[in-house]
């Protein structure tokens, strides 16, 4: 969890500072993103704390959001504080879900016969192999 918090925090800080310094240039290179930036900036200025904390939970916005947040003129110290809170909440949620999902799977597998477990493993291996072969042939 410590590695997840530190890694998520530092990646957001780097992207924030890139957005703060080079935001206009980055957005100019991506016209689809540039068209949406003014609306996103208006929302971020209004809901900055909530956006900073929750942005890491939004699929697909992991890279773009810190860049846009950096271009909004939010104080680096304010961002650092709430980004750390968000990183901590995210790491706790993901680790907790992983732990409890692992416990549930372990409980479920412990109730099965060994032959059923081996059969499920063989089925998963065969399905993965078939999927990889199909994917390789399409290339």
C-alpha atoms as a PDB file:
ATOM      1  CA  UNK A   1       0.000   0.000   0.000  1.00  0.00           C
ATOM      2  CA  UNK A   2       2.860   2.366   0.733  1.00  0.00           C
ATOM      3  CA  UNK A   3       4.277   1.852  -2.762  1.00  0.00           C
ATOM      4  CA  UNK A   4       0.831   2.480  -4.300  1.00  0.00           C
ATOM      5  CA  UNK A   5       0.360   5.698  -2.320  1.00  0.00           C
ATOM      6  CA  UNK A   6       3.846   7.027  -3.051  1.00  0.00           C
ATOM      7  CA  UNK A   7       3.774   6.027  -6.733  1.00  0.00           C
ATOM      8  CA  UNK A   8       0.317   7.466  -7.346  1.00  0.00           C
ATOM      9  CA  UNK A   9       1.145  10.637  -5.465  1.00  0.00           C
ATOM     10  CA  UNK A  10       4.410  11.310  -7.280  1.00  0.00           C
ATOM     11  CA  UNK A  11       3.001  10.530 -10.717  1.00  0.00           C
ATOM     12  CA  UNK A  12       0.194  13.009 -10.123  1.00  0.00           C
ATOM     13  CA  UNK A  13       2.664  15.630  -8.910  1.00  0.00           C
ATOM     14  CA  UNK A  14       4.808  15.250 -12.028  1.00  0.00           C
ATOM     15  CA  UNK A  15       1.777  15.436 -14.324  1.00  0.00           C
ATOM     16  CA  UNK A  16       0.424  18.411 -12.373  1.00  0.00           C
ATOM     17  CA  UNK A  17       3.641  20.351 -12.853  1.00  0.00           C
ATOM     18  CA  UNK A  18       3.815  19.395 -16.537  1.00  0.00           C
ATOM     19  CA  UNK A  19       0.257  20.705 -16.930  1.00  0.00           C
ATOM     20  CA  UNK A  20       1.111  23.820 -14.956  1.00  0.00           C
ATOM     21  CA  UNK A  21       4.119  24.655 -17.122  1.00  0.00           C
ATOM     22  CA  UNK A  22       3.303  23.137 -20.521  1.00  0.00           C
ATOM     23  CA  UNK A  23      -0.480  22.665 -20.372  1.00  0.00           C
ATOM     24  CA  UNK A  24      -1.296  24.880 -23.356  1.00  0.00           C
ATOM     25  CA  UNK A  25       1.311  23.138 -25.535  1.00  0.00           C
ATOM     26  CA  UNK A  26       0.149  19.664 -24.507  1.00  0.00           C
ATOM     27  CA  UNK A  27      -3.498  20.493 -25.182  1.00  0.00           C
ATOM     28  CA  UNK A  28      -2.615  22.024 -28.568  1.00  0.00           C
ATOM     29  CA  UNK A  29      -1.136  18.673 -29.637  1.00  0.00           C
ATOM     30  CA  UNK A  30      -4.395  16.877 -28.829  1.00  0.00           C
ATOM     31  CA  UNK A  31      -7.304  18.787 -30.408  1.00  0.00           C
ATOM     32  CA  UNK A  32      -9.932  16.396 -29.046  1.00  0.00           C
ATOM     33  CA  UNK A  33      -8.708  17.044 -25.530  1.00  0.00           C
ATOM     34  CA  UNK A  34      -8.232  20.781 -26.108  1.00  0.00           C
ATOM     35  CA  UNK A  35     -11.894  21.205 -27.020  1.00  0.00           C
ATOM     36  CA  UNK A  36     -12.952  19.827 -23.633  1.00  0.00           C
ATOM     37  CA  UNK A  37     -10.363  21.590 -21.484  1.00  0.00           C
ATOM     38  CA  UNK A  38     -12.229  24.888 -20.825  1.00  0.00           C
ATOM     39  CA  UNK A  39     -15.293  23.079 -19.495  1.00  0.00           C
ATOM     40  CA  UNK A  40     -13.140  20.778 -17.374  1.00  0.00           C
ATOM     41  CA  UNK A  41     -11.193  23.745 -16.008  1.00  0.00           C
ATOM     42  CA  UNK A  42     -14.418  25.509 -15.014  1.00  0.00           C
ATOM     43  CA  UNK A  43     -15.601  22.403 -13.171  1.00  0.00           C
ATOM     44  CA  UNK A  44     -12.221  21.931 -11.510  1.00  0.00           C
ATOM     45  CA  UNK A  45     -12.098  25.508 -10.280  1.00  0.00           C
ATOM     46  CA  UNK A  46     -15.524  25.060  -8.717  1.00  0.00           C
ATOM     47  CA  UNK A  47     -15.019  21.575  -7.247  1.00  0.00           C
ATOM     48  CA  UNK A  48     -11.229  21.468  -6.920  1.00  0.00           C
ATOM     49  CA  UNK A  49     -10.926  19.524  -3.657  1.00  0.00           C
ATOM     50  CA  UNK A  50     -13.462  16.883  -4.624  1.00  0.00           C
ATOM     51  CA  UNK A  51     -11.953  16.554  -8.106  1.00  0.00           C
ATOM     52  CA  UNK A  52      -8.407  16.177  -6.789  1.00  0.00           C
ATOM     53  CA  UNK A  53      -9.414  13.475  -4.311  1.00  0.00           C
ATOM     54  CA  UNK A  54     -11.726  11.504  -6.611  1.00  0.00           C
ATOM     55  CA  UNK A  55      -9.979  11.801  -9.982  1.00  0.00           C
ATOM     56  CA  UNK A  56      -7.895   8.672  -9.468  1.00  0.00           C
ATOM     57  CA  UNK A  57     -11.061   6.603  -9.125  1.00  0.00           C
ATOM     58  CA  UNK A  58     -12.299   7.665 -12.583  1.00  0.00           C
ATOM     59  CA  UNK A  59     -11.299   5.185 -15.260  1.00  0.00           C
ATOM     60  CA  UNK A  60      -9.650   6.743 -18.281  1.00  0.00           C
ATOM     61  CA  UNK A  61      -8.733  10.063 -16.672  1.00  0.00           C
ATOM     62  CA  UNK A  62      -5.617   8.958 -14.826  1.00  0.00           C
ATOM     63  CA  UNK A  63      -3.186  10.863 -17.085  1.00  0.00           C
ATOM     64  CA  UNK A  64      -5.304  13.696 -18.494  1.00  0.00           C
ATOM     65  CA  UNK A  65      -6.869  14.886 -15.239  1.00  0.00           C
ATOM     66  CA  UNK A  66      -3.659  15.914 -13.418  1.00  0.00           C
ATOM     67  CA  UNK A  67      -2.550  17.780 -16.557  1.00  0.00           C
ATOM     68  CA  UNK A  68      -5.823  19.710 -16.647  1.00  0.00           C
ATOM     69  CA  UNK A  69      -5.720  20.304 -12.891  1.00  0.00           C
ATOM     70  CA  UNK A  70      -2.220  21.726 -13.303  1.00  0.00           C
ATOM     71  CA  UNK A  71      -3.414  24.130 -15.980  1.00  0.00           C
ATOM     72  CA  UNK A  72      -6.147  25.526 -13.691  1.00  0.00           C
ATOM     73  CA  UNK A  73      -3.837  27.535 -11.465  1.00  0.00           C
ATOM     74  CA  UNK A  74      -4.541  25.554  -8.301  1.00  0.00           C
ATOM     75  CA  UNK A  75      -1.900  26.033  -5.603  1.00  0.00           C
ATOM     76  CA  UNK A  76       0.744  23.257  -5.606  1.00  0.00           C
ATOM     77  CA  UNK A  77       0.474  22.871  -1.823  1.00  0.00           C
ATOM     78  CA  UNK A  78      -3.305  22.530  -1.991  1.00  0.00           C
ATOM     79  CA  UNK A  79      -2.969  19.944  -4.708  1.00  0.00           C
ATOM     80  CA  UNK A  80      -0.284  18.030  -2.798  1.00  0.00           C
ATOM     81  CA  UNK A  81      -2.382  17.808   0.360  1.00  0.00           C
ATOM     82  CA  UNK A  82      -5.586  16.629  -1.286  1.00  0.00           C
ATOM     83  CA  UNK A  83      -3.761  14.437  -3.806  1.00  0.00           C
ATOM     84  CA  UNK A  84      -2.090  12.623  -0.916  1.00  0.00           C
ATOM     85  CA  UNK A  85      -5.495  12.111   0.730  1.00  0.00           C
ATOM     86  CA  UNK A  86      -6.855  10.761  -2.564  1.00  0.00           C
ATOM     87  CA  UNK A  87      -3.859   8.458  -3.036  1.00  0.00           C
ATOM     88  CA  UNK A  88      -4.282   7.122   0.484  1.00  0.00           C
ATOM     89  CA  UNK A  89      -8.018   6.484   0.025  1.00  0.00           C
ATOM     90  CA  UNK A  90      -7.417   4.848  -3.367  1.00  0.00           C
ATOM     91  CA  UNK A  91      -4.695   2.540  -2.024  1.00  0.00           C
ATOM     92  CA  UNK A  92      -6.832   1.535   0.956  1.00  0.00           C
ATOM     93  CA  UNK A  93      -9.846   0.828  -1.268  1.00  0.00           C
ATOM     94  CA  UNK A  94      -7.924  -1.195  -3.855  1.00  0.00           C
ATOM     95  CA  UNK A  95      -5.917  -3.143  -1.276  1.00  0.00           C
ATOM     96  CA  UNK A  96      -9.030  -3.790   0.816  1.00  0.00           C
ATOM     97  CA  UNK A  97     -11.005  -5.031  -2.186  1.00  0.00           C
ATOM     98  CA  UNK A  98      -8.098  -7.213  -3.252  1.00  0.00           C
ATOM     99  CA  UNK A  99      -7.705  -8.652   0.228  1.00  0.00           C
ATOM    100  CA  UNK A 100     -11.377  -9.456   0.695  1.00  0.00           C
ATOM    101  CA  UNK A 101     -11.732 -10.813  -2.846  1.00  0.00           C
ATOM    102  CA  UNK A 102      -8.732 -13.055  -2.187  1.00  0.00           C
ATOM    103  CA  UNK A 103     -10.270 -14.259   1.048  1.00  0.00           C
ATOM    104  CA  UNK A 104     -13.551 -15.039  -0.728  1.00  0.00           C
ATOM    105  CA  UNK A 105     -11.801 -16.958  -3.510  1.00  0.00           C
ATOM    106  CA  UNK A 106      -9.683 -18.834  -0.995  1.00  0.00           C
ATOM    107  CA  UNK A 107     -12.790 -19.795   0.980  1.00  0.00           C
ATOM    108  CA  UNK A 108     -14.584 -20.907  -2.197  1.00  0.00           C
ATOM    109  CA  UNK A 109     -11.640 -22.969  -3.473  1.00  0.00           C
ATOM    110  CA  UNK A 110     -11.108 -24.595  -0.059  1.00  0.00           C
ATOM    111  CA  UNK A 111     -14.648 -25.981  -0.248  1.00  0.00           C
ATOM    112  CA  UNK A 112     -14.044 -27.585  -3.657  1.00  0.00           C
ATOM    113  CA  UNK A 113     -12.584 -31.003  -4.334  1.00  0.00           C
ATOM    114  CA  UNK A 114      -9.002 -31.055  -5.666  1.00  0.00           C
ATOM    115  CA  UNK A 115     -10.117 -32.532  -8.992  1.00  0.00           C
ATOM    116  CA  UNK A 116     -12.563 -29.646  -9.513  1.00  0.00           C
ATOM    117  CA  UNK A 117      -9.827 -27.094  -8.775  1.00  0.00           C
ATOM    118  CA  UNK A 118      -7.443 -28.792 -11.205  1.00  0.00           C
ATOM    119  CA  UNK A 119     -10.197 -28.942 -13.823  1.00  0.00           C
ATOM    120  CA  UNK A 120     -10.912 -25.209 -13.438  1.00  0.00           C
ATOM    121  CA  UNK A 121      -7.208 -24.438 -13.742  1.00  0.00           C
ATOM    122  CA  UNK A 122      -6.955 -26.554 -16.893  1.00  0.00           C
ATOM    123  CA  UNK A 123     -10.021 -24.834 -18.340  1.00  0.00           C
ATOM    124  CA  UNK A 124      -8.562 -21.393 -17.609  1.00  0.00           C
ATOM    125  CA  UNK A 125      -5.229 -22.412 -19.188  1.00  0.00           C
ATOM    126  CA  UNK A 126      -6.964 -23.737 -22.311  1.00  0.00           C
ATOM    127  CA  UNK A 127      -9.149 -20.633 -22.653  1.00  0.00           C
ATOM    128  CA  UNK A 128      -6.124 -18.353 -22.280  1.00  0.00           C
ATOM    129  CA  UNK A 129      -4.165 -20.332 -24.843  1.00  0.00           C
ATOM    130  CA  UNK A 130      -7.016 -20.245 -27.370  1.00  0.00           C
ATOM    131  CA  UNK A 131      -7.481 -16.521 -26.828  1.00  0.00           C
ATOM    132  CA  UNK A 132      -3.766 -15.829 -27.367  1.00  0.00           C
ATOM    133  CA  UNK A 133      -3.675 -17.955 -30.533  1.00  0.00           C
ATOM    134  CA  UNK A 134      -6.708 -16.150 -31.987  1.00  0.00           C
ATOM    135  CA  UNK A 135      -5.233 -12.778 -31.099  1.00  0.00           C
ATOM    136  CA  UNK A 136      -1.857 -13.692 -32.635  1.00  0.00           C
ATOM    137  CA  UNK A 137      -3.490 -14.837 -35.892  1.00  0.00           C
ATOM    138  CA  UNK A 138      -5.407 -11.562 -36.218  1.00  0.00           C
ATOM    139  CA  UNK A 139      -2.152  -9.649 -36.164  1.00  0.00           C
END
